[in-house]
Amino acid sequence: MRTTKKVVDSACKLAYDDKKRINWKEIYGGEKAKQKYNIFLPNETLENIKKYRIALKSPLTTLIASGYRSLNEGEIIKNMMKK
């Protein structure tokens, strides 16, 4: 995600001549969320996506043959629409 930030920040700087910028906020999904909240897709993550109306997803960890599927954009959106 560090590279994405650099690219997007550079594009924003060029497009808006340093008059606008993005305030980045990390929200948790996948393994980081599991470690911090003991759940792979916490409600806090979904609420932040609803509030800010945008999210960039980096690859989420998937353990092979562990009994759970990986999270993807479709599942995140589907879960957001349920709430």
Protein backbone atom coordinates (compact mmCIF):
# COMPACT_ATOMS: atom_id res chain seq x y z
CA MET A 1 0.00 0.00 0.00
CA ARG A 2 2.99 2.31 0.46
CA THR A 3 3.54 2.44 -3.30
CA THR A 4 -0.14 3.15 -3.93
CA LYS A 5 0.00 6.08 -1.50
CA LYS A 6 3.07 7.51 -3.20
CA VAL A 7 1.53 7.24 -6.67
CA VAL A 8 -1.86 8.67 -5.66
CA ASP A 9 -0.30 11.47 -3.59
CA SER A 10 1.96 12.41 -6.52
CA ALA A 11 -0.96 12.42 -8.94
CA CYS A 12 -3.03 14.54 -6.57
CA LYS A 13 -0.14 16.99 -6.16
CA LEU A 14 0.23 17.34 -9.93
CA ALA A 15 -3.50 17.60 -10.60
CA TYR A 16 -4.30 20.08 -7.85
CA ASP A 17 -1.01 21.98 -7.58
CA ASP A 18 -0.64 21.16 -3.86
CA LYS A 19 -4.04 22.75 -3.06
CA LYS A 20 -5.71 19.44 -2.19
CA ARG A 21 -4.49 16.25 -0.60
CA ILE A 22 -5.75 12.90 0.61
CA ASN A 23 -5.93 12.11 4.32
CA TRP A 24 -5.18 8.39 4.50
CA LYS A 25 -6.83 6.20 7.13
CA GLU A 26 -6.04 2.53 7.60
CA ILE A 27 -9.02 0.31 8.25
CA TYR A 28 -8.69 -3.37 9.02
CA GLY A 29 -9.71 -6.44 7.06
CA GLY A 30 -8.26 -9.91 6.78
CA GLU A 31 -5.40 -11.09 8.96
CA LYS A 32 -4.70 -7.66 10.53
CA ALA A 33 -8.34 -7.41 11.56
CA LYS A 34 -8.29 -10.96 12.93
CA GLN A 35 -5.26 -10.11 15.07
CA LYS A 36 -6.70 -6.84 16.34
CA TYR A 37 -10.46 -7.62 16.59
CA ASN A 38 -10.58 -11.43 16.38
CA ILE A 39 -12.77 -11.15 13.26
CA PHE A 40 -11.79 -10.85 9.60
CA LEU A 41 -14.20 -8.06 8.66
CA PRO A 42 -15.13 -5.95 11.69
CA ASN A 43 -18.20 -3.73 11.74
CA GLU A 44 -15.89 -0.74 12.28
CA THR A 45 -14.34 -1.41 8.86
CA LEU A 46 -17.74 -1.53 7.16
CA GLU A 47 -18.88 1.62 8.96
CA ASN A 48 -15.75 3.49 7.83
CA ILE A 49 -16.31 2.44 4.22
CA LYS A 50 -19.91 3.64 4.45
CA LYS A 51 -18.86 6.92 6.06
CA TYR A 52 -16.04 7.81 3.68
CA ARG A 53 -17.59 6.06 0.63
CA ILE A 54 -14.25 4.81 -0.64
CA ALA A 55 -11.73 2.12 0.20
CA LEU A 56 -8.61 0.78 -1.46
CA LYS A 57 -8.13 -2.91 -0.80
CA SER A 58 -4.72 -4.49 -0.73
CA PRO A 59 -4.42 -8.29 -0.85
CA LEU A 60 -5.96 -10.01 2.15
CA THR A 61 -4.38 -13.11 3.66
CA THR A 62 -5.98 -16.44 2.88
CA LEU A 63 -4.92 -19.52 4.79
CA ILE A 64 -5.09 -22.60 2.58
CA ALA A 65 -7.34 -25.43 3.82
CA SER A 66 -8.18 -23.60 7.03
CA GLY A 67 -11.93 -23.52 6.67
CA TYR A 68 -12.55 -19.91 5.70
CA ARG A 69 -12.65 -18.13 2.37
CA SER A 70 -10.75 -15.00 1.46
CA LEU A 71 -12.47 -11.64 1.64
CA ASN A 72 -13.08 -9.90 -1.64
CA GLU A 73 -14.81 -6.75 -2.82
CA GLY A 74 -18.09 -8.55 -3.54
CA GLU A 75 -18.34 -9.96 -0.05
CA ILE A 76 -17.47 -6.62 1.54
CA ILE A 77 -20.13 -4.80 -0.49
CA LYS A 78 -22.69 -7.55 0.18
CA ASN A 79 -22.02 -7.30 3.93
CA MET A 80 -22.31 -3.50 3.83
CA MET A 81 -25.70 -3.71 2.12
CA LYS A 82 -27.06 -6.02 4.86
CA LYS A 83 -26.48 -3.44 7.57
